[in-house]
Full PDB file with SEQRES, HELIX, SHEET, SSBOND, CRYST1, ORIGX, SCALE, CONECT and MASTER records, all heavy atoms in Angstrom:
SEQRES   1 A   35  ARG ALA LEU SER ARG ASP GLY ILE ASP TYR SER ILE SER          
SEQRES   2 A   35  VAL TYR ARG ARG LEU GLY GLY PHE PHE ALA PHE TRP GLU          
SEQRES   3 A   35  CYS LYS GLN CYS ALA ASN GLN GLY SER                          
SHEET    1 AA1 4 ALA A   2  ARG A   5  0                                        
SHEET    2 AA1 4 ILE A   8  ARG A  17 -1                                        
SHEET    3 AA1 4 GLY A  20  CYS A  27 -1                                        
SHEET    4 AA1 4 ASN A  32  GLN A  33 -1                                        
CRYST1    1.000    1.000    1.000  90.00  90.00  90.00 P 1           1          
ORIGX1      1.000000  0.000000  0.000000        0.00000                         
ORIGX2      0.000000  1.000000  0.000000        0.00000                         
ORIGX3      0.000000  0.000000  1.000000        0.00000                         
SCALE1      1.000000  0.000000  0.000000        0.00000                         
SCALE2      0.000000  1.000000  0.000000        0.00000                         
SCALE3      0.000000  0.000000  1.000000        0.00000                         
ATOM      1  N   ARG A   1     107.945 100.512 107.758  1.00  0.00           N  
ATOM      2  CA  ARG A   1     107.882  99.064 107.579  1.00  0.00           C  
ATOM      3  C   ARG A   1     109.161  98.616 106.890  1.00  0.00           C  
ATOM      4  O   ARG A   1     109.640  99.271 105.982  1.00  0.00           O  
ATOM      5  CB  ARG A   1     106.672  98.724 106.711  1.00  0.00           C  
ATOM      6  CG  ARG A   1     106.504  97.264 106.483  1.00  0.00           C  
ATOM      7  CD  ARG A   1     105.240  96.975 105.720  1.00  0.00           C  
ATOM      8  NE  ARG A   1     105.075  95.543 105.586  1.00  0.00           N  
ATOM      9  CZ  ARG A   1     104.121  94.968 104.905  1.00  0.00           C  
ATOM     10  NH1 ARG A   1     103.222  95.707 104.306  1.00  0.00           N  
ATOM     11  NH2 ARG A   1     104.041  93.671 104.824  1.00  0.00           N  
ATOM     12  N   ALA A   2     109.701  97.505 107.336  1.00  0.00           N  
ATOM     13  CA  ALA A   2     110.906  96.935 106.736  1.00  0.00           C  
ATOM     14  C   ALA A   2     110.529  95.676 105.974  1.00  0.00           C  
ATOM     15  O   ALA A   2     109.701  94.885 106.427  1.00  0.00           O  
ATOM     16  CB  ALA A   2     111.932  96.612 107.810  1.00  0.00           C  
ATOM     17  N   LEU A   3     111.134  95.508 104.815  1.00  0.00           N  
ATOM     18  CA  LEU A   3     110.933  94.313 103.991  1.00  0.00           C  
ATOM     19  C   LEU A   3     112.299  93.767 103.614  1.00  0.00           C  
ATOM     20  O   LEU A   3     113.254  94.522 103.465  1.00  0.00           O  
ATOM     21  CB  LEU A   3     110.170  94.660 102.709  1.00  0.00           C  
ATOM     22  CG  LEU A   3     108.823  95.340 102.857  1.00  0.00           C  
ATOM     23  CD1 LEU A   3     108.344  95.828 101.502  1.00  0.00           C  
ATOM     24  CD2 LEU A   3     107.825  94.369 103.438  1.00  0.00           C  
ATOM     25  N   SER A   4     112.375  92.457 103.433  1.00  0.00           N  
ATOM     26  CA  SER A   4     113.611  91.842 102.982  1.00  0.00           C  
ATOM     27  C   SER A   4     113.286  90.905 101.836  1.00  0.00           C  
ATOM     28  O   SER A   4     112.300  90.173 101.879  1.00  0.00           O  
ATOM     29  CB  SER A   4     114.264  91.065 104.129  1.00  0.00           C  
ATOM     30  OG  SER A   4     115.465  90.481 103.685  1.00  0.00           O  
ATOM     31  N   ARG A   5     114.126  90.951 100.845  1.00  0.00           N  
ATOM     32  CA  ARG A   5     113.959  90.079  99.693  1.00  0.00           C  
ATOM     33  C   ARG A   5     115.337  89.625  99.262  1.00  0.00           C  
ATOM     34  O   ARG A   5     116.176  90.454  98.916  1.00  0.00           O  
ATOM     35  CB  ARG A   5     113.251  90.847  98.575  1.00  0.00           C  
ATOM     36  CG  ARG A   5     112.936  89.989  97.409  1.00  0.00           C  
ATOM     37  CD  ARG A   5     112.061  90.746  96.446  1.00  0.00           C  
ATOM     38  NE  ARG A   5     111.782  89.907  95.308  1.00  0.00           N  
ATOM     39  CZ  ARG A   5     111.081  90.270  94.274  1.00  0.00           C  
ATOM     40  NH1 ARG A   5     110.546  91.464  94.251  1.00  0.00           N  
ATOM     41  NH2 ARG A   5     110.888  89.451  93.287  1.00  0.00           N  
ATOM     42  N   ASP A   6     115.573  88.322  99.302  1.00  0.00           N  
ATOM     43  CA  ASP A   6     116.877  87.759  98.921  1.00  0.00           C  
ATOM     44  C   ASP A   6     118.026  88.420  99.667  1.00  0.00           C  
ATOM     45  O   ASP A   6     119.080  88.683  99.108  1.00  0.00           O  
ATOM     46  CB  ASP A   6     117.120  87.896  97.418  1.00  0.00           C  
ATOM     47  CG  ASP A   6     116.155  87.082  96.602  1.00  0.00           C  
ATOM     48  OD1 ASP A   6     115.705  86.037  97.089  1.00  0.00           O  
ATOM     49  OD2 ASP A   6     115.835  87.504  95.473  1.00  0.00           O  
ATOM     50  N   GLY A   7     117.808  88.731 100.939  1.00  0.00           N  
ATOM     51  CA  GLY A   7     118.840  89.358 101.733  1.00  0.00           C  
ATOM     52  C   GLY A   7     119.027  90.841 101.478  1.00  0.00           C  
ATOM     53  O   GLY A   7     119.933  91.457 102.034  1.00  0.00           O  
ATOM     54  N   ILE A   8     118.198  91.420 100.641  1.00  0.00           N  
ATOM     55  CA  ILE A   8     118.249  92.855 100.362  1.00  0.00           C  
ATOM     56  C   ILE A   8     117.129  93.519 101.149  1.00  0.00           C  
ATOM     57  O   ILE A   8     115.972  93.106 101.067  1.00  0.00           O  
ATOM     58  CB  ILE A   8     118.108  93.138  98.855  1.00  0.00           C  
ATOM     59  CG1 ILE A   8     119.282  92.492  98.126  1.00  0.00           C  
ATOM     60  CG2 ILE A   8     118.034  94.638  98.586  1.00  0.00           C  
ATOM     61  CD1 ILE A   8     119.134  92.448  96.631  1.00  0.00           C  
ATOM     62  N   ASP A   9     117.495  94.525 101.930  1.00  0.00           N  
ATOM     63  CA  ASP A   9     116.514  95.191 102.781  1.00  0.00           C  
ATOM     64  C   ASP A   9     115.924  96.415 102.100  1.00  0.00           C  
ATOM     65  O   ASP A   9     116.627  97.166 101.414  1.00  0.00           O  
ATOM     66  CB  ASP A   9     117.165  95.616 104.095  1.00  0.00           C  
ATOM     67  CG  ASP A   9     117.623  94.426 104.916  1.00  0.00           C  
ATOM     68  OD1 ASP A   9     116.967  93.362 104.848  1.00  0.00           O  
ATOM     69  OD2 ASP A   9     118.637  94.556 105.623  1.00  0.00           O  
ATOM     70  N   TYR A  10     114.634  96.599 102.322  1.00  0.00           N  
ATOM     71  CA  TYR A  10     113.884  97.752 101.829  1.00  0.00           C  
ATOM     72  C   TYR A  10     113.143  98.365 103.008  1.00  0.00           C  
ATOM     73  O   TYR A  10     112.794  97.676 103.960  1.00  0.00           O  
ATOM     74  CB  TYR A  10     112.850  97.322 100.780  1.00  0.00           C  
ATOM     75  CG  TYR A  10     113.445  96.765  99.522  1.00  0.00           C  
ATOM     76  CD1 TYR A  10     113.674  95.402  99.376  1.00  0.00           C  
ATOM     77  CD2 TYR A  10     113.757  97.599  98.459  1.00  0.00           C  
ATOM     78  CE1 TYR A  10     114.207  94.879  98.213  1.00  0.00           C  
ATOM     79  CE2 TYR A  10     114.293  97.082  97.287  1.00  0.00           C  
ATOM     80  CZ  TYR A  10     114.514  95.730  97.166  1.00  0.00           C  
ATOM     81  OH  TYR A  10     115.044  95.231  96.008  1.00  0.00           O  
ATOM     82  N   SER A  11     112.892  99.647 102.922  1.00  0.00           N  
ATOM     83  CA  SER A  11     112.062 100.285 103.939  1.00  0.00           C  
ATOM     84  C   SER A  11     110.971 101.107 103.258  1.00  0.00           C  
ATOM     85  O   SER A  11     111.144 101.596 102.139  1.00  0.00           O  
ATOM     86  CB  SER A  11     112.904 101.181 104.845  1.00  0.00           C  
ATOM     87  OG  SER A  11     113.470 102.236 104.104  1.00  0.00           O  
ATOM     88  N   ILE A  12     109.850 101.211 103.950  1.00  0.00           N  
ATOM     89  CA  ILE A  12     108.729 102.037 103.517  1.00  0.00           C  
ATOM     90  C   ILE A  12     108.391 102.949 104.683  1.00  0.00           C  
ATOM     91  O   ILE A  12     108.269 102.486 105.821  1.00  0.00           O  
ATOM     92  CB  ILE A  12     107.497 101.178 103.156  1.00  0.00           C  
ATOM     93  CG1 ILE A  12     107.797 100.274 101.963  1.00  0.00           C  
ATOM     94  CG2 ILE A  12     106.287 102.069 102.873  1.00  0.00           C  
ATOM     95  CD1 ILE A  12     106.683  99.280 101.647  1.00  0.00           C  
ATOM     96  N   SER A  13     108.254 104.232 104.407  1.00  0.00           N  
ATOM     97  CA  SER A  13     107.840 105.203 105.419  1.00  0.00           C  
ATOM     98  C   SER A  13     106.552 105.861 104.951  1.00  0.00           C  
ATOM     99  O   SER A  13     106.465 106.319 103.807  1.00  0.00           O  
ATOM    100  CB  SER A  13     108.917 106.264 105.619  1.00  0.00           C  
ATOM    101  OG  SER A  13     110.099 105.679 106.090  1.00  0.00           O  
ATOM    102  N   VAL A  14     105.566 105.893 105.829  1.00  0.00           N  
ATOM    103  CA  VAL A  14     104.255 106.449 105.490  1.00  0.00           C  
ATOM    104  C   VAL A  14     104.043 107.743 106.267  1.00  0.00           C  
ATOM    105  O   VAL A  14     104.332 107.820 107.462  1.00  0.00           O  
ATOM    106  CB  VAL A  14     103.121 105.450 105.819  1.00  0.00           C  
ATOM    107  CG1 VAL A  14     101.765 106.019 105.432  1.00  0.00           C  
ATOM    108  CG2 VAL A  14     103.364 104.119 105.126  1.00  0.00           C  
ATOM    109  N   TYR A  15     103.525 108.731 105.576  1.00  0.00           N  
ATOM    110  CA  TYR A  15     103.241 110.044 106.152  1.00  0.00           C  
ATOM    111  C   TYR A  15     101.805 110.438 105.824  1.00  0.00           C  
ATOM    112  O   TYR A  15     101.208 109.907 104.884  1.00  0.00           O  
ATOM    113  CB  TYR A  15     104.184 111.101 105.571  1.00  0.00           C  
ATOM    114  CG  TYR A  15     105.631 110.821 105.870  1.00  0.00           C  
ATOM    115  CD1 TYR A  15     106.388 109.973 105.070  1.00  0.00           C  
ATOM    116  CD2 TYR A  15     106.237 111.387 106.978  1.00  0.00           C  
ATOM    117  CE1 TYR A  15     107.711 109.704 105.362  1.00  0.00           C  
ATOM    118  CE2 TYR A  15     107.568 111.125 107.279  1.00  0.00           C  
ATOM    119  CZ  TYR A  15     108.292 110.291 106.463  1.00  0.00           C  
ATOM    120  OH  TYR A  15     109.608 110.026 106.751  1.00  0.00           O  
ATOM    121  N   ARG A  16     101.288 111.383 106.603  1.00  0.00           N  
ATOM    122  CA  ARG A  16      99.940 111.887 106.343  1.00  0.00           C  
ATOM    123  C   ARG A  16      99.985 113.408 106.293  1.00  0.00           C  
ATOM    124  O   ARG A  16     100.668 114.045 107.085  1.00  0.00           O  
ATOM    125  CB  ARG A  16      98.978 111.452 107.440  1.00  0.00           C  
ATOM    126  CG  ARG A  16      97.566 111.879 107.145  1.00  0.00           C  
ATOM    127  CD  ARG A  16      96.600 111.363 108.164  1.00  0.00           C  
ATOM    128  NE  ARG A  16      95.271 111.666 107.682  1.00  0.00           N  
ATOM    129  CZ  ARG A  16      94.180 111.103 108.100  1.00  0.00           C  
ATOM    130  NH1 ARG A  16      94.244 110.177 109.034  1.00  0.00           N  
ATOM    131  NH2 ARG A  16      93.021 111.428 107.611  1.00  0.00           N  
ATOM    132  N   ARG A  17      99.270 113.940 105.334  1.00  0.00           N  
ATOM    133  CA  ARG A  17      99.051 115.379 105.260  1.00  0.00           C  
ATOM    134  C   ARG A  17      97.620 115.595 104.797  1.00  0.00           C  
ATOM    135  O   ARG A  17      96.889 114.634 104.573  1.00  0.00           O  
ATOM    136  CB  ARG A  17     100.066 116.062 104.350  1.00  0.00           C  
ATOM    137  CG  ARG A  17      99.986 115.642 102.910  1.00  0.00           C  
ATOM    138  CD  ARG A  17     100.986 116.409 102.067  1.00  0.00           C  
ATOM    139  NE  ARG A  17     101.108 115.773 100.767  1.00  0.00           N  
ATOM    140  CZ  ARG A  17     102.168 115.791 100.025  1.00  0.00           C  
ATOM    141  NH1 ARG A  17     103.229 116.434 100.420  1.00  0.00           N  
ATOM    142  NH2 ARG A  17     102.189 115.186  98.866  1.00  0.00           N  
ATOM    143  N   LEU A  18      97.235 116.819 104.651  1.00  0.00           N  
ATOM    144  CA  LEU A  18      95.847 117.145 104.359  1.00  0.00           C  
ATOM    145  C   LEU A  18      95.282 116.358 103.175  1.00  0.00           C  
ATOM    146  O   LEU A  18      94.147 115.904 103.220  1.00  0.00           O  
ATOM    147  CB  LEU A  18      95.708 118.651 104.109  1.00  0.00           C  
ATOM    148  CG  LEU A  18      94.289 119.173 103.972  1.00  0.00           C  
ATOM    149  CD1 LEU A  18      93.479 118.859 105.222  1.00  0.00           C  
ATOM    150  CD2 LEU A  18      94.301 120.666 103.713  1.00  0.00           C  
ATOM    151  N   GLY A  19      96.075 116.125 102.133  1.00  0.00           N  
ATOM    152  CA  GLY A  19      95.600 115.425 100.944  1.00  0.00           C  
ATOM    153  C   GLY A  19      95.479 113.923 101.092  1.00  0.00           C  
ATOM    154  O   GLY A  19      95.036 113.243 100.175  1.00  0.00           O  
ATOM    155  N   GLY A  20      95.874 113.360 102.215  1.00  0.00           N  
ATOM    156  CA  GLY A  20      95.800 111.924 102.434  1.00  0.00           C  
ATOM    157  C   GLY A  20      97.145 111.348 102.847  1.00  0.00           C  
ATOM    158  O   GLY A  20      98.025 112.056 103.327  1.00  0.00           O  
ATOM    159  N   PHE A  21      97.299 110.059 102.651  1.00  0.00           N  
ATOM    160  CA  PHE A  21      98.525 109.343 103.008  1.00  0.00           C  
ATOM    161  C   PHE A  21      99.433 109.237 101.791  1.00  0.00           C  
ATOM    162  O   PHE A  21      98.968 109.059 100.673  1.00  0.00           O  
ATOM    163  CB  PHE A  21      98.184 107.928 103.487  1.00  0.00           C  
ATOM    164  CG  PHE A  21      97.433 107.896 104.774  1.00  0.00           C  
ATOM    165  CD1 PHE A  21      96.052 107.974 104.793  1.00  0.00           C  
ATOM    166  CD2 PHE A  21      98.100 107.783 105.982  1.00  0.00           C  
ATOM    167  CE1 PHE A  21      95.351 107.944 105.989  1.00  0.00           C  
ATOM    168  CE2 PHE A  21      97.418 107.755 107.181  1.00  0.00           C  
ATOM    169  CZ  PHE A  21      96.040 107.834 107.174  1.00  0.00           C  
ATOM    170  N   PHE A  22     100.727 109.331 102.021  1.00  0.00           N  
ATOM    171  CA  PHE A  22     101.689 109.062 100.965  1.00  0.00           C  
ATOM    172  C   PHE A  22     102.869 108.337 101.587  1.00  0.00           C  
ATOM    173  O   PHE A  22     103.079 108.398 102.795  1.00  0.00           O  
ATOM    174  CB  PHE A  22     102.117 110.338 100.231  1.00  0.00           C  
ATOM    175  CG  PHE A  22     102.855 111.333 101.070  1.00  0.00           C  
ATOM    176  CD1 PHE A  22     104.230 111.431 100.984  1.00  0.00           C  
ATOM    177  CD2 PHE A  22     102.180 112.167 101.934  1.00  0.00           C  
ATOM    178  CE1 PHE A  22     104.924 112.355 101.763  1.00  0.00           C  
ATOM    179  CE2 PHE A  22     102.862 113.096 102.714  1.00  0.00           C  
ATOM    180  CZ  PHE A  22     104.234 113.187 102.625  1.00  0.00           C  
ATOM    181  N   ALA A  23     103.616 107.610 100.752  1.00  0.00           N  
ATOM    182  CA  ALA A  23     104.701 106.779 101.264  1.00  0.00           C  
ATOM    183  C   ALA A  23     105.916 106.866 100.352  1.00  0.00           C  
ATOM    184  O   ALA A  23     105.794 107.103  99.153  1.00  0.00           O  
ATOM    185  CB  ALA A  23     104.233 105.332 101.385  1.00  0.00           C  
ATOM    186  N   PHE A  24     107.092 106.664 100.950  1.00  0.00           N  
ATOM    187  CA  PHE A  24     108.367 106.576 100.244  1.00  0.00           C  
ATOM    188  C   PHE A  24     108.939 105.181 100.476  1.00  0.00           C  
ATOM    189  O   PHE A  24     108.684 104.577 101.502  1.00  0.00           O  
ATOM    190  CB  PHE A  24     109.384 107.568 100.825  1.00  0.00           C  
ATOM    191  CG  PHE A  24     109.049 109.000 100.643  1.00  0.00           C  
ATOM    192  CD1 PHE A  24     108.264 109.666 101.568  1.00  0.00           C  
ATOM    193  CD2 PHE A  24     109.532 109.702  99.555  1.00  0.00           C  
ATOM    194  CE1 PHE A  24     107.971 111.007 101.426  1.00  0.00           C  
ATOM    195  CE2 PHE A  24     109.248 111.052  99.401  1.00  0.00           C  
ATOM    196  CZ  PHE A  24     108.464 111.702 100.338  1.00  0.00           C  
ATOM    197  N   TRP A  25     109.743 104.697  99.546  1.00  0.00           N  
ATOM    198  CA  TRP A  25     110.441 103.433  99.759  1.00  0.00           C  
ATOM    199  C   TRP A  25     111.926 103.665  99.494  1.00  0.00           C  
ATOM    200  O   TRP A  25     112.314 104.611  98.833  1.00  0.00           O  
ATOM    201  CB  TRP A  25     109.893 102.329  98.868  1.00  0.00           C  
ATOM    202  CG  TRP A  25     110.114 102.558  97.400  1.00  0.00           C  
ATOM    203  CD1 TRP A  25     109.297 103.246  96.544  1.00  0.00           C  
ATOM    204  CD2 TRP A  25     111.214 102.120  96.610  1.00  0.00           C  
ATOM    205  NE1 TRP A  25     109.833 103.264  95.285  1.00  0.00           N  
ATOM    206  CE2 TRP A  25     111.007 102.574  95.296  1.00  0.00           C  
ATOM    207  CE3 TRP A  25     112.358 101.399  96.886  1.00  0.00           C  
ATOM    208  CZ2 TRP A  25     111.905 102.321  94.268  1.00  0.00           C  
ATOM    209  CZ3 TRP A  25     113.251 101.142  95.851  1.00  0.00           C  
ATOM    210  CH2 TRP A  25     113.010 101.603  94.555  1.00  0.00           C  
ATOM    211  N   GLU A  26     112.745 102.762 100.027  1.00  0.00           N  
ATOM    212  CA  GLU A  26     114.189 102.847  99.829  1.00  0.00           C  
ATOM    213  C   GLU A  26     114.777 101.446  99.769  1.00  0.00           C  
ATOM    214  O   GLU A  26     114.436 100.586 100.566  1.00  0.00           O  
ATOM    215  CB  GLU A  26     114.831 103.624 100.970  1.00  0.00           C  
ATOM    216  CG  GLU A  26     116.327 103.772 100.826  1.00  0.00           C  
ATOM    217  CD  GLU A  26     116.962 104.571 101.946  1.00  0.00           C  
ATOM    218  OE1 GLU A  26     116.276 104.909 102.931  1.00  0.00           O  
ATOM    219  OE2 GLU A  26     118.160 104.854 101.830  1.00  0.00           O  
ATOM    220  N   CYS A  27     115.679 101.234  98.814  1.00  0.00           N  
ATOM    221  CA  CYS A  27     116.469 100.010  98.730  1.00  0.00           C  
ATOM    222  C   CYS A  27     117.760 100.269  99.485  1.00  0.00           C  
ATOM    223  O   CYS A  27     118.529 101.166  99.134  1.00  0.00           O  
ATOM    224  CB  CYS A  27     116.771  99.660  97.278  1.00  0.00           C  
ATOM    225  SG  CYS A  27     117.889  98.247  97.100  1.00  0.00           S  
ATOM    226  N   LYS A  28     118.016  99.474 100.527  1.00  0.00           N  
ATOM    227  CA  LYS A  28     119.191  99.687 101.368  1.00  0.00           C  
ATOM    228  C   LYS A  28     120.490  99.259 100.689  1.00  0.00           C  
ATOM    229  O   LYS A  28     121.556  99.735 101.046  1.00  0.00           O  
ATOM    230  CB  LYS A  28     119.034  98.945 102.700  1.00  0.00           C  
ATOM    231  CG  LYS A  28     117.836  99.389 103.496  1.00  0.00           C  
ATOM    232  CD  LYS A  28     117.952 100.842 103.911  1.00  0.00           C  
ATOM    233  CE  LYS A  28     116.780 101.240 104.779  1.00  0.00           C  
ATOM    234  NZ  LYS A  28     116.900 102.584 105.303  1.00  0.00           N  
ATOM    235  N   GLN A  29     120.407  98.371  99.689  1.00  0.00           N  
ATOM    236  CA  GLN A  29     121.627  97.920  99.029  1.00  0.00           C  
ATOM    237  C   GLN A  29     122.153  98.963  98.049  1.00  0.00           C  
ATOM    238  O   GLN A  29     123.344  99.242  98.020  1.00  0.00           O  
ATOM    239  CB  GLN A  29     121.409  96.608  98.285  1.00  0.00           C  
ATOM    240  CG  GLN A  29     122.669  96.148  97.563  1.00  0.00           C  
ATOM    241  CD  GLN A  29     122.566  94.748  97.029  1.00  0.00           C  
ATOM    242  OE1 GLN A  29     121.986  93.884  97.674  1.00  0.00           O  
ATOM    243  NE2 GLN A  29     123.122  94.518  95.875  1.00  0.00           N  
ATOM    244  N   CYS A  30     121.294  99.527  97.246  1.00  0.00           N  
ATOM    245  CA  CYS A  30     121.776 100.467  96.231  1.00  0.00           C  
ATOM    246  C   CYS A  30     121.355 101.906  96.522  1.00  0.00           C  
ATOM    247  O   CYS A  30     121.510 102.772  95.665  1.00  0.00           O  
ATOM    248  CB  CYS A  30     121.350 100.032  94.837  1.00  0.00           C  
ATOM    249  SG  CYS A  30     119.597  99.848  94.599  1.00  0.00           S  
ATOM    250  N   ALA A  31     120.828 102.138  97.709  1.00  0.00           N  
ATOM    251  CA  ALA A  31     120.444 103.484  98.148  1.00  0.00           C  
ATOM    252  C   ALA A  31     119.509 104.171  97.163  1.00  0.00           C  
ATOM    253  O   ALA A  31     119.539 105.374  96.980  1.00  0.00           O  
ATOM    254  CB  ALA A  31     121.671 104.334  98.431  1.00  0.00           C  
ATOM    255  N   ASN A  32     118.645 103.385  96.518  1.00  0.00           N  
ATOM    256  CA  ASN A  32     117.663 103.941  95.596  1.00  0.00           C  
ATOM    257  C   ASN A  32     116.431 104.340  96.383  1.00  0.00           C  
ATOM    258  O   ASN A  32     115.795 103.508  97.022  1.00  0.00           O  
ATOM    259  CB  ASN A  32     117.298 102.908  94.532  1.00  0.00           C  
ATOM    260  CG  ASN A  32     116.369 103.473  93.487  1.00  0.00           C  
ATOM    261  OD1 ASN A  32     115.876 104.585  93.594  1.00  0.00           O  
ATOM    262  ND2 ASN A  32     116.122 102.688  92.462  1.00  0.00           N  
ATOM    263  N   GLN A  33     116.087 105.615  96.348  1.00  0.00           N  
ATOM    264  CA  GLN A  33     114.878 106.086  97.000  1.00  0.00           C  
ATOM    265  C   GLN A  33     113.829 106.324  95.937  1.00  0.00           C  
ATOM    266  O   GLN A  33     114.028 107.118  95.029  1.00  0.00           O  
ATOM    267  CB  GLN A  33     115.138 107.368  97.782  1.00  0.00           C  
ATOM    268  CG  GLN A  33     116.059 107.143  98.943  1.00  0.00           C  
ATOM    269  CD  GLN A  33     116.237 108.399  99.772  1.00  0.00           C  
ATOM    270  OE1 GLN A  33     115.891 109.475  99.358  1.00  0.00           O  
ATOM    271  NE2 GLN A  33     116.781 108.231 100.948  1.00  0.00           N  
ATOM    272  N   GLY A  34     112.722 105.624  96.074  1.00  0.00           N  
ATOM    273  CA  GLY A  34     111.649 105.783  95.114  1.00  0.00           C  
ATOM    274  C   GLY A  34     110.879 107.064  95.342  1.00  0.00           C  
ATOM    275  O   GLY A  34     110.926 107.667  96.408  1.00  0.00           O  
ATOM    276  N   SER A  35     110.191 107.503  94.328  1.00  0.00           N  
ATOM    277  CA  SER A  35     109.343 108.683  94.429  1.00  0.00           C  
ATOM    278  C   SER A  35     108.208 108.408  95.400  1.00  0.00           C  
ATOM    279  O   SER A  35     107.762 107.274  95.545  1.00  0.00           O  
ATOM    280  CB  SER A  35     108.744 109.014  93.065  1.00  0.00           C  
ATOM    281  OG  SER A  35     109.755 109.243  92.129  1.00  0.00           O  
TER     282      SER A  35                                                      
MASTER        0    0    0    0    4    0    0    6  281    1    0    3          
END                                                                             
């Protein structure tokens, strides 16, 4: 999923494994990848 806020783009990627769903996010402007 892509999100934009004040012209700054973010992405969220969702994955599934045995324990359930988990997701990562990333700020495209400062290349910050969240846990």
